[in-house]
Every structure is written in structure tokens, then in C-alpha cells.
Amino acid sequence: MSTSTWPQPASRELPRAAFDDPPDDAGSFGLTSLAAGLAHDIRNPLTSIKAFVSVLRARKDQPDFLERFERNVGQGIARIEALLDDLAGLAGPADPAGLDDPAGESLAAVALPDLLSCCFDELGEELAVRGIVHNLSAEEDLPSARGHAAGLRKAFVSLLRFSSQATGPGGTLTVRVARGDAGTLDTCIGDNGPGIAAEHLPYVFEPYFSMGKGRGVGLSLALARKIIRENNGRIEVANSPGQGITIRVRLPAEP
């Protein structure tokens, strides 16, 4: 297996450097990580909710407490709901021909540069707080991709968030869209973070896989891979420890 870094985002000829297909031992490993990760992510907001509820009767006449109660309990419930939505999306049936998304959207033309710009807008405050700079570019006269816009947006937001976390505060994300091979479009997302250890690379698409030192993937990459596959695409990761990670998403172009 190769772990070389793709030298330029969306290069025309890129070596296979990622693991869109899971390794043989991923099943049992993934189940253990999923169970532990879900327990952790659900317990944290529940602990906060429990703490507020335990003192509600004694402090119900304090306006400042009620304001914090409403805010923190609401945020905790929203986190659990978002987690359950992602888990349901990950567990749902996959159709290799592509699925209609929850909004009933059919496969249609998707302008990837515009979609990615919207993804950065959605993540704007999150990236700004961490001082992360991003650069988005596209080859001229690109055709549209063919897919589900809502699903692809969710997948790219997850991938961009993962890359922003991988690069760390003050890092840089570089995204480029270009023509791929045989009627496809390549979107490459690169960061200038520390990269991933070679032994961890085969497992990056496993839910809640931990890369050590508090660095985990949660459900983001697993869910993104599922959505990309449902849109008849492929996702790969190239890596060079100490120099960052590059994620390539290859999607079919409109004829």
C-alpha cells in the first residue's frame, strides 16, 4: 500500500493512496470503536443535562440560571440528535445506483466549486475561531458533477471539518476541483497538519477510530464515504506524516 502525498491537489494522475475499501480486520475493530465512541459522545451532553436538571427545583426562580439551563440543555439535546441523525444515515441502506436523499432529490447537475463555497460559508465561524485559512480553486470550464446536492454538501462539510481538525489551529486548507479520468471530477482537500501515522491510514474510514493524542475521526469520514458511494463516487486518502493529509473525492461528471 502506498502512503505518498499527492504533490498537487486534484492532479490528473494520482496513485492509489487510500483505503476506500476497509481492511480485513476492520469489522470487529470498527464495532468496538463505534460502541466506545457513541458512549462517550452521548454521555458528555447527558452529564451536562443531568447536572442542570438536578438543581432545577432549587434554582427555578433564578432568571440567569433558567437562561443557562435553556441554552445548555438545548445544546446538549441538539448534539445527541445530530449524532443519532449521523448514525441513522450511516446505518441506512446503500444503493450503488445512488439514493434519493431525504428531501426527495433526484440525481442532478451539481456545480462543485459553488457547493464547496457554500460548505466553507457553513463552516466560516468555526474555521475563523481556530484561525484556519482556506484556499478554493477550480479548473476553468468544468462540467457539473452528477449527484445529490444536499447529500454531497453534508459529505464535504464533514470532510472539510475533519481536515480542519487535522491541521490544527492556524493551519491552511487547500481545495481544488479539476477534471479526473474518464468523465469524472476530482476534488482534492489538502491540509498542512502533521498527517497520519502509516499504521493508522487503513482505518481512517472506521467510525470513531482514534489516531492518538485526542485525535479521532468520529462518524465524519465513515458517513462521508457512504454518501460519496451513494453518489457513484469514490473517496481516497493520501498521507505523508509531518506534511499533512490529502483527501480526493472522485465523482461522475455530467455528460
C-alpha atoms as a PDB file:
ATOM      1  CA  MET A   1       0.000   0.000   0.000  1.00  0.00           C
ATOM      2  CA  SER A   2       1.169   3.496  -0.758  1.00  0.00           C
ATOM      3  CA  THR A   3       1.210   6.364   1.704  1.00  0.00           C
ATOM      4  CA  SER A   4       2.753   9.030  -0.502  1.00  0.00           C
ATOM      5  CA  THR A   5       1.339  12.535  -0.567  1.00  0.00           C
ATOM      6  CA  TRP A   6      -0.225  13.697  -3.789  1.00  0.00           C
ATOM      7  CA  PRO A   7       2.013  16.622  -4.758  1.00  0.00           C
ATOM      8  CA  GLN A   8      -0.732  18.842  -6.169  1.00  0.00           C
ATOM      9  CA  PRO A   9      -4.427  18.912  -5.252  1.00  0.00           C
ATOM     10  CA  ALA A  10      -6.521  17.305  -7.984  1.00  0.00           C
ATOM     11  CA  SER A  11      -3.534  16.185 -10.037  1.00  0.00           C
ATOM     12  CA  ARG A  12      -4.644  14.332 -13.173  1.00  0.00           C
ATOM     13  CA  GLU A  13      -2.691  11.148 -12.418  1.00  0.00           C
ATOM     14  CA  LEU A  14      -2.769  10.204  -8.748  1.00  0.00           C
ATOM     15  CA  PRO A  15      -1.564   6.938  -7.240  1.00  0.00           C
ATOM     16  CA  ARG A  16      -3.977   4.927  -5.152  1.00  0.00           C
ATOM     17  CA  ALA A  17      -3.042   6.023  -1.664  1.00  0.00           C
ATOM     18  CA  ALA A  18      -6.113   5.451   0.437  1.00  0.00           C
ATOM     19  CA  PHE A  19      -8.451   2.856   1.759  1.00  0.00           C
ATOM     20  CA  ASP A  20     -11.923   3.273   0.374  1.00  0.00           C
ATOM     21  CA  ASP A  21     -12.216  -0.488   0.926  1.00  0.00           C
ATOM     22  CA  PRO A  22     -11.787  -1.432   4.607  1.00  0.00           C
ATOM     23  CA  PRO A  23      -9.028  -3.802   5.758  1.00  0.00           C
ATOM     24  CA  ASP A  24      -9.882  -7.373   6.675  1.00  0.00           C
ATOM     25  CA  ASP A  25      -9.853  -6.750  10.434  1.00  0.00           C
ATOM     26  CA  ALA A  26     -11.907  -3.554  10.273  1.00  0.00           C
ATOM     27  CA  GLY A  27     -15.244  -5.171  11.197  1.00  0.00           C
ATOM     28  CA  SER A  28     -14.570  -6.177  14.799  1.00  0.00           C
ATOM     29  CA  PHE A  29     -12.298  -3.195  15.337  1.00  0.00           C
ATOM     30  CA  GLY A  30     -14.938  -0.822  13.983  1.00  0.00           C
ATOM     31  CA  LEU A  31     -17.704  -2.227  16.193  1.00  0.00           C
ATOM     32  CA  THR A  32     -15.594  -1.797  19.329  1.00  0.00           C
ATOM     33  CA  SER A  33     -14.612   1.756  18.379  1.00  0.00           C
ATOM     34  CA  LEU A  34     -18.185   2.628  17.424  1.00  0.00           C
ATOM     35  CA  ALA A  35     -19.596   1.422  20.732  1.00  0.00           C
ATOM     36  CA  ALA A  36     -16.948   3.263  22.763  1.00  0.00           C
ATOM     37  CA  GLY A  37     -17.245   6.436  20.700  1.00  0.00           C
ATOM     38  CA  LEU A  38     -21.020   6.563  20.863  1.00  0.00           C
ATOM     39  CA  ALA A  39     -20.969   6.001  24.615  1.00  0.00           C
ATOM     40  CA  HIS A  40     -18.527   8.887  25.019  1.00  0.00           C
ATOM     41  CA  ASP A  41     -20.369  11.291  22.720  1.00  0.00           C
ATOM     42  CA  ILE A  42     -23.767  10.590  24.267  1.00  0.00           C
ATOM     43  CA  ARG A  43     -22.544  10.575  27.872  1.00  0.00           C
ATOM     44  CA  ASN A  44     -20.952  14.031  27.675  1.00  0.00           C
ATOM     45  CA  PRO A  45     -24.136  16.014  26.886  1.00  0.00           C
ATOM     46  CA  LEU A  46     -26.211  13.747  29.123  1.00  0.00           C
ATOM     47  CA  THR A  47     -23.895  14.508  32.043  1.00  0.00           C
ATOM     48  CA  SER A  48     -24.398  18.228  31.474  1.00  0.00           C
ATOM     49  CA  ILE A  49     -28.180  17.838  31.177  1.00  0.00           C
ATOM     50  CA  LYS A  50     -28.290  15.716  34.331  1.00  0.00           C
ATOM     51  CA  ALA A  51     -26.326  18.338  36.280  1.00  0.00           C
ATOM     52  CA  PHE A  52     -28.724  21.125  35.298  1.00  0.00           C
ATOM     53  CA  VAL A  53     -31.836  19.042  35.984  1.00  0.00           C
ATOM     54  CA  SER A  54     -30.549  18.030  39.427  1.00  0.00           C
ATOM     55  CA  VAL A  55     -30.591  21.638  40.665  1.00  0.00           C
ATOM     56  CA  LEU A  56     -33.582  22.893  38.685  1.00  0.00           C
ATOM     57  CA  ARG A  57     -36.061  22.645  41.561  1.00  0.00           C
ATOM     58  CA  ALA A  58     -33.806  24.626  43.906  1.00  0.00           C
ATOM     59  CA  ARG A  59     -32.912  27.328  41.356  1.00  0.00           C
ATOM     60  CA  LYS A  60     -36.075  27.601  39.289  1.00  0.00           C
ATOM     61  CA  ASP A  61     -36.660  31.185  40.458  1.00  0.00           C
ATOM     62  CA  GLN A  62     -33.248  32.422  39.255  1.00  0.00           C
ATOM     63  CA  PRO A  63     -33.576  34.005  35.766  1.00  0.00           C
ATOM     64  CA  ASP A  64     -29.853  33.719  34.971  1.00  0.00           C
ATOM     65  CA  PHE A  65     -29.904  30.009  35.832  1.00  0.00           C
ATOM     66  CA  LEU A  66     -33.007  29.394  33.737  1.00  0.00           C
ATOM     67  CA  GLU A  67     -31.322  31.126  30.791  1.00  0.00           C
ATOM     68  CA  ARG A  68     -28.251  28.888  31.127  1.00  0.00           C
ATOM     69  CA  PHE A  69     -30.476  25.858  31.655  1.00  0.00           C
ATOM     70  CA  GLU A  70     -32.342  26.507  28.425  1.00  0.00           C
ATOM     71  CA  ARG A  71     -29.156  27.165  26.461  1.00  0.00           C
ATOM     72  CA  ASN A  72     -27.071  24.261  27.741  1.00  0.00           C
ATOM     73  CA  VAL A  73     -29.812  21.643  27.817  1.00  0.00           C
ATOM     74  CA  GLY A  74     -30.911  22.687  24.329  1.00  0.00           C
ATOM     75  CA  GLN A  75     -27.360  22.405  23.007  1.00  0.00           C
ATOM     76  CA  GLY A  76     -26.918  19.014  24.642  1.00  0.00           C
ATOM     77  CA  ILE A  77     -30.119  17.652  23.117  1.00  0.00           C
ATOM     78  CA  ALA A  78     -29.135  19.066  19.721  1.00  0.00           C
ATOM     79  CA  ARG A  79     -25.752  17.299  19.919  1.00  0.00           C
ATOM     80  CA  ILE A  80     -27.430  13.979  20.682  1.00  0.00           C
ATOM     81  CA  GLU A  81     -29.969  14.480  17.882  1.00  0.00           C
ATOM     82  CA  ALA A  82     -27.209  15.298  15.385  1.00  0.00           C
ATOM     83  CA  LEU A  83     -25.280  12.217  16.473  1.00  0.00           C
ATOM     84  CA  LEU A  84     -28.333   9.992  16.064  1.00  0.00           C
ATOM     85  CA  ASP A  85     -29.043  11.509  12.636  1.00  0.00           C
ATOM     86  CA  ASP A  86     -25.488  10.708  11.536  1.00  0.00           C
ATOM     87  CA  LEU A  87     -25.727   7.201  12.948  1.00  0.00           C
ATOM     88  CA  ALA A  88     -29.040   6.610  11.154  1.00  0.00           C
ATOM     89  CA  GLY A  89     -27.504   7.909   7.930  1.00  0.00           C
ATOM     90  CA  LEU A  90     -24.544   5.590   8.341  1.00  0.00           C
ATOM     91  CA  ALA A  91     -26.738   2.575   9.049  1.00  0.00           C
ATOM     92  CA  GLY A  92     -29.263   3.218   6.266  1.00  0.00           C
ATOM     93  CA  PRO A  93     -29.392   1.094   3.120  1.00  0.00           C
ATOM     94  CA  ALA A  94     -26.996   1.955   0.308  1.00  0.00           C
ATOM     95  CA  ASP A  95     -27.913   1.661  -3.355  1.00  0.00           C
ATOM     96  CA  PRO A  96     -24.932   1.515  -5.733  1.00  0.00           C
ATOM     97  CA  ALA A  97     -27.070   3.288  -8.329  1.00  0.00           C
ATOM     98  CA  GLY A  98     -27.474   6.259  -5.986  1.00  0.00           C
ATOM     99  CA  LEU A  99     -30.207   7.043  -3.482  1.00  0.00           C
ATOM    100  CA  ASP A 100     -32.748   9.820  -3.362  1.00  0.00           C
ATOM    101  CA  ASP A 101     -31.839  11.986  -0.400  1.00  0.00           C
ATOM    102  CA  PRO A 102     -34.258  12.679   2.476  1.00  0.00           C
ATOM    103  CA  ALA A 103     -35.638  15.700   0.633  1.00  0.00           C
ATOM    104  CA  GLY A 104     -36.631  13.508  -2.295  1.00  0.00           C
ATOM    105  CA  GLU A 105     -33.979  14.999  -4.549  1.00  0.00           C
ATOM    106  CA  SER A 106     -33.037  13.085  -7.688  1.00  0.00           C
ATOM    107  CA  LEU A 107     -29.620  12.910  -9.285  1.00  0.00           C
ATOM    108  CA  ALA A 108     -28.954  16.265 -10.902  1.00  0.00           C
ATOM    109  CA  ALA A 109     -26.176  18.578 -12.036  1.00  0.00           C
ATOM    110  CA  VAL A 110     -24.098  19.909  -9.134  1.00  0.00           C
ATOM    111  CA  ALA A 111     -21.573  22.729  -9.591  1.00  0.00           C
ATOM    112  CA  LEU A 112     -18.855  21.556  -7.225  1.00  0.00           C
ATOM    113  CA  PRO A 113     -17.000  24.890  -6.819  1.00  0.00           C
ATOM    114  CA  ASP A 114     -20.256  26.596  -5.815  1.00  0.00           C
ATOM    115  CA  LEU A 115     -21.156  23.726  -3.488  1.00  0.00           C
ATOM    116  CA  LEU A 116     -17.746  23.862  -1.799  1.00  0.00           C
ATOM    117  CA  SER A 117     -18.034  27.627  -1.404  1.00  0.00           C
ATOM    118  CA  CYS A 118     -21.324  27.075   0.433  1.00  0.00           C
ATOM    119  CA  CYS A 119     -19.627  24.466   2.638  1.00  0.00           C
ATOM    120  CA  PHE A 120     -16.949  26.976   3.619  1.00  0.00           C
ATOM    121  CA  ASP A 121     -19.667  29.524   4.368  1.00  0.00           C
ATOM    122  CA  GLU A 122     -21.317  26.996   6.686  1.00  0.00           C
ATOM    123  CA  LEU A 123     -18.015  26.371   8.467  1.00  0.00           C
ATOM    124  CA  GLY A 124     -16.951  30.021   8.402  1.00  0.00           C
ATOM    125  CA  GLU A 125     -17.236  30.861  12.087  1.00  0.00           C
ATOM    126  CA  GLU A 126     -15.820  27.506  13.152  1.00  0.00           C
ATOM    127  CA  LEU A 127     -12.723  27.995  10.971  1.00  0.00           C
ATOM    128  CA  ALA A 128     -12.300  31.652  11.909  1.00  0.00           C
ATOM    129  CA  VAL A 129     -12.272  30.920  15.644  1.00  0.00           C
ATOM    130  CA  ARG A 130      -9.400  28.476  15.089  1.00  0.00           C
ATOM    131  CA  GLY A 131      -7.534  30.791  12.720  1.00  0.00           C
ATOM    132  CA  ILE A 132      -7.698  28.385   9.786  1.00  0.00           C
ATOM    133  CA  VAL A 133      -7.171  29.803   6.302  1.00  0.00           C
ATOM    134  CA  HIS A 134      -8.670  28.143   3.245  1.00  0.00           C
ATOM    135  CA  ASN A 135      -7.986  28.398  -0.479  1.00  0.00           C
ATOM    136  CA  LEU A 136     -10.512  27.149  -3.037  1.00  0.00           C
ATOM    137  CA  SER A 137      -9.696  26.937  -6.746  1.00  0.00           C
ATOM    138  CA  ALA A 138     -11.102  25.169  -9.787  1.00  0.00           C
ATOM    139  CA  GLU A 139     -10.016  24.306 -13.289  1.00  0.00           C
ATOM    140  CA  GLU A 140     -11.647  26.505 -15.931  1.00  0.00           C
ATOM    141  CA  ASP A 141     -14.766  25.418 -17.833  1.00  0.00           C
ATOM    142  CA  LEU A 142     -15.506  22.481 -15.570  1.00  0.00           C
ATOM    143  CA  PRO A 143     -18.639  20.436 -16.214  1.00  0.00           C
ATOM    144  CA  SER A 144     -21.018  19.851 -13.322  1.00  0.00           C
ATOM    145  CA  ALA A 145     -20.914  16.701 -11.274  1.00  0.00           C
ATOM    146  CA  ARG A 146     -23.934  14.406 -11.233  1.00  0.00           C
ATOM    147  CA  GLY A 147     -25.276  13.690  -7.775  1.00  0.00           C
ATOM    148  CA  HIS A 148     -27.449  14.728  -4.874  1.00  0.00           C
ATOM    149  CA  ALA A 149     -26.542  18.281  -3.873  1.00  0.00           C
ATOM    150  CA  ALA A 150     -27.802  18.029  -0.277  1.00  0.00           C
ATOM    151  CA  GLY A 151     -26.010  14.762   0.408  1.00  0.00           C
ATOM    152  CA  LEU A 152     -22.784  15.917  -1.214  1.00  0.00           C
ATOM    153  CA  ARG A 153     -22.852  19.122   0.795  1.00  0.00           C
ATOM    154  CA  LYS A 154     -23.132  17.125   4.009  1.00  0.00           C
ATOM    155  CA  ALA A 155     -20.254  14.882   2.923  1.00  0.00           C
ATOM    156  CA  PHE A 156     -17.962  17.775   2.004  1.00  0.00           C
ATOM    157  CA  VAL A 157     -18.750  19.656   5.220  1.00  0.00           C
ATOM    158  CA  SER A 158     -17.718  16.528   7.141  1.00  0.00           C
ATOM    159  CA  LEU A 159     -14.508  16.196   5.113  1.00  0.00           C
ATOM    160  CA  LEU A 160     -13.594  19.865   5.469  1.00  0.00           C
ATOM    161  CA  ARG A 161     -14.259  19.728   9.198  1.00  0.00           C
ATOM    162  CA  PHE A 162     -12.062  16.643   9.515  1.00  0.00           C
ATOM    163  CA  SER A 163      -9.248  18.331   7.567  1.00  0.00           C
ATOM    164  CA  SER A 164      -9.536  21.490   9.655  1.00  0.00           C
ATOM    165  CA  GLN A 165      -9.211  19.411  12.804  1.00  0.00           C
ATOM    166  CA  ALA A 166      -6.280  17.503  11.313  1.00  0.00           C
ATOM    167  CA  THR A 167      -4.330  20.653  10.500  1.00  0.00           C
ATOM    168  CA  GLY A 168      -4.825  22.262  13.900  1.00  0.00           C
ATOM    169  CA  PRO A 169      -5.262  25.929  14.877  1.00  0.00           C
ATOM    170  CA  GLY A 170      -3.713  28.394  12.452  1.00  0.00           C
ATOM    171  CA  GLY A 171      -3.475  25.819   9.683  1.00  0.00           C
ATOM    172  CA  THR A 172      -4.303  26.012   5.999  1.00  0.00           C
ATOM    173  CA  LEU A 173      -6.770  24.040   3.878  1.00  0.00           C
ATOM    174  CA  THR A 174      -6.231  23.897   0.115  1.00  0.00           C
ATOM    175  CA  VAL A 175      -9.109  22.678  -2.041  1.00  0.00           C
ATOM    176  CA  ARG A 176      -9.039  22.255  -5.820  1.00  0.00           C
ATOM    177  CA  VAL A 177     -11.574  20.864  -8.280  1.00  0.00           C
ATOM    178  CA  ALA A 178     -10.347  19.557 -11.640  1.00  0.00           C
ATOM    179  CA  ARG A 179     -11.177  17.051 -14.336  1.00  0.00           C
ATOM    180  CA  GLY A 180     -10.318  13.469 -13.489  1.00  0.00           C
ATOM    181  CA  ASP A 181     -10.192  10.424 -15.718  1.00  0.00           C
ATOM    182  CA  ALA A 182     -12.963   9.009 -17.896  1.00  0.00           C
ATOM    183  CA  GLY A 183     -15.706  11.555 -17.338  1.00  0.00           C
ATOM    184  CA  THR A 184     -15.058  12.275 -13.669  1.00  0.00           C
ATOM    185  CA  LEU A 185     -14.283  15.270 -11.490  1.00  0.00           C
ATOM    186  CA  ASP A 186     -11.672  15.218  -8.731  1.00  0.00           C
ATOM    187  CA  THR A 187     -11.959  17.335  -5.606  1.00  0.00           C
ATOM    188  CA  CYS A 188      -8.798  17.308  -3.503  1.00  0.00           C
ATOM    189  CA  ILE A 189      -8.720  18.658   0.044  1.00  0.00           C
ATOM    190  CA  GLY A 190      -5.236  19.146   1.473  1.00  0.00           C
ATOM    191  CA  ASP A 191      -4.066  20.341   4.870  1.00  0.00           C
ATOM    192  CA  ASN A 192      -0.675  21.254   6.303  1.00  0.00           C
ATOM    193  CA  GLY A 193      -1.071  19.342   9.549  1.00  0.00           C
ATOM    194  CA  PRO A 194       1.060  16.525  10.991  1.00  0.00           C
ATOM    195  CA  GLY A 195      -0.517  13.800   8.858  1.00  0.00           C
ATOM    196  CA  ILE A 196      -1.439  10.304   9.975  1.00  0.00           C
ATOM    197  CA  ALA A 197       0.855   7.522  11.091  1.00  0.00           C
ATOM    198  CA  ALA A 198       1.193   4.884   8.363  1.00  0.00           C
ATOM    199  CA  GLU A 199      -0.284   2.170  10.595  1.00  0.00           C
ATOM    200  CA  HIS A 200      -3.431   4.247  11.126  1.00  0.00           C
ATOM    201  CA  LEU A 201      -4.140   5.012   7.466  1.00  0.00           C
ATOM    202  CA  PRO A 202      -6.071   1.791   6.646  1.00  0.00           C
ATOM    203  CA  TYR A 203      -8.576   2.584   9.392  1.00  0.00           C
ATOM    204  CA  VAL A 204      -9.388   6.255   8.774  1.00  0.00           C
ATOM    205  CA  PHE A 205     -12.875   5.406   7.462  1.00  0.00           C
ATOM    206  CA  GLU A 206     -13.752   3.340  10.534  1.00  0.00           C
ATOM    207  CA  PRO A 207     -16.211   5.105  12.881  1.00  0.00           C
ATOM    208  CA  TYR A 208     -14.521   6.635  15.919  1.00  0.00           C
ATOM    209  CA  PHE A 209     -11.076   5.410  15.021  1.00  0.00           C
ATOM    210  CA  SER A 210      -8.558   7.182  17.252  1.00  0.00           C
ATOM    211  CA  MET A 211      -5.230   8.427  15.903  1.00  0.00           C
ATOM    212  CA  GLY A 212      -3.914   9.089  19.410  1.00  0.00           C
ATOM    213  CA  LYS A 213      -3.310  12.304  21.361  1.00  0.00           C
ATOM    214  CA  GLY A 214      -7.030  13.107  21.360  1.00  0.00           C
ATOM    215  CA  ARG A 215      -7.306  12.921  17.564  1.00  0.00           C
ATOM    216  CA  GLY A 216     -10.310  10.891  16.443  1.00  0.00           C
ATOM    217  CA  VAL A 217     -12.495  10.761  13.342  1.00  0.00           C
ATOM    218  CA  GLY A 218     -15.923  10.276  14.926  1.00  0.00           C
ATOM    219  CA  LEU A 219     -18.528   9.369  12.318  1.00  0.00           C
ATOM    220  CA  SER A 220     -17.460  12.035   9.822  1.00  0.00           C
ATOM    221  CA  LEU A 221     -15.315  10.052   7.385  1.00  0.00           C
ATOM    222  CA  ALA A 222     -17.465   6.915   7.541  1.00  0.00           C
ATOM    223  CA  LEU A 223     -20.595   8.932   6.769  1.00  0.00           C
ATOM    224  CA  ALA A 224     -18.856  10.923   4.031  1.00  0.00           C
ATOM    225  CA  ARG A 225     -17.651   7.717   2.369  1.00  0.00           C
ATOM    226  CA  LYS A 226     -21.166   6.278   2.413  1.00  0.00           C
ATOM    227  CA  ILE A 227     -22.645   9.418   0.824  1.00  0.00           C
ATOM    228  CA  ILE A 228     -19.919   9.558  -1.836  1.00  0.00           C
ATOM    229  CA  ARG A 229     -20.546   5.912  -2.734  1.00  0.00           C
ATOM    230  CA  GLU A 230     -24.287   6.571  -2.977  1.00  0.00           C
ATOM    231  CA  ASN A 231     -23.415   9.268  -5.496  1.00  0.00           C
ATOM    232  CA  ASN A 232     -21.461   6.737  -7.569  1.00  0.00           C
ATOM    233  CA  GLY A 233     -18.163   8.212  -6.443  1.00  0.00           C
ATOM    234  CA  ARG A 234     -15.004   7.175  -4.663  1.00  0.00           C
ATOM    235  CA  ILE A 235     -13.012   8.682  -1.815  1.00  0.00           C
ATOM    236  CA  GLU A 236      -9.304   8.153  -1.167  1.00  0.00           C
ATOM    237  CA  VAL A 237      -6.720   9.499   1.253  1.00  0.00           C
ATOM    238  CA  ALA A 238      -3.037  10.197   0.629  1.00  0.00           C
ATOM    239  CA  ASN A 239      -0.761  10.900   3.542  1.00  0.00           C
ATOM    240  CA  SER A 240       2.765  11.906   4.439  1.00  0.00           C
ATOM    241  CA  PRO A 241       3.424  12.056   8.200  1.00  0.00           C
ATOM    242  CA  GLY A 242       4.605  15.529   9.112  1.00  0.00           C
ATOM    243  CA  GLN A 243       3.317  17.071   5.885  1.00  0.00           C
ATOM    244  CA  GLY A 244      -0.449  16.651   6.060  1.00  0.00           C
ATOM    245  CA  ILE A 245      -3.289  14.679   4.542  1.00  0.00           C
ATOM    246  CA  THR A 246      -4.914  14.945   1.126  1.00  0.00           C
ATOM    247  CA  ILE A 247      -8.436  13.634   0.565  1.00  0.00           C
ATOM    248  CA  ARG A 248      -9.560  13.027  -3.005  1.00  0.00           C
ATOM    249  CA  VAL A 249     -13.224  12.669  -3.911  1.00  0.00           C
ATOM    250  CA  ARG A 250     -13.885  11.435  -7.442  1.00  0.00           C
ATOM    251  CA  LEU A 251     -17.434  11.914  -8.761  1.00  0.00           C
ATOM    252  CA  PRO A 252     -19.025  11.332 -12.159  1.00  0.00           C
ATOM    253  CA  ALA A 253     -19.339  14.412 -14.356  1.00  0.00           C
ATOM    254  CA  GLU A 254     -22.444  15.374 -16.268  1.00  0.00           C
ATOM    255  CA  PRO A 255     -22.276  14.010 -19.846  1.00  0.00           C
END
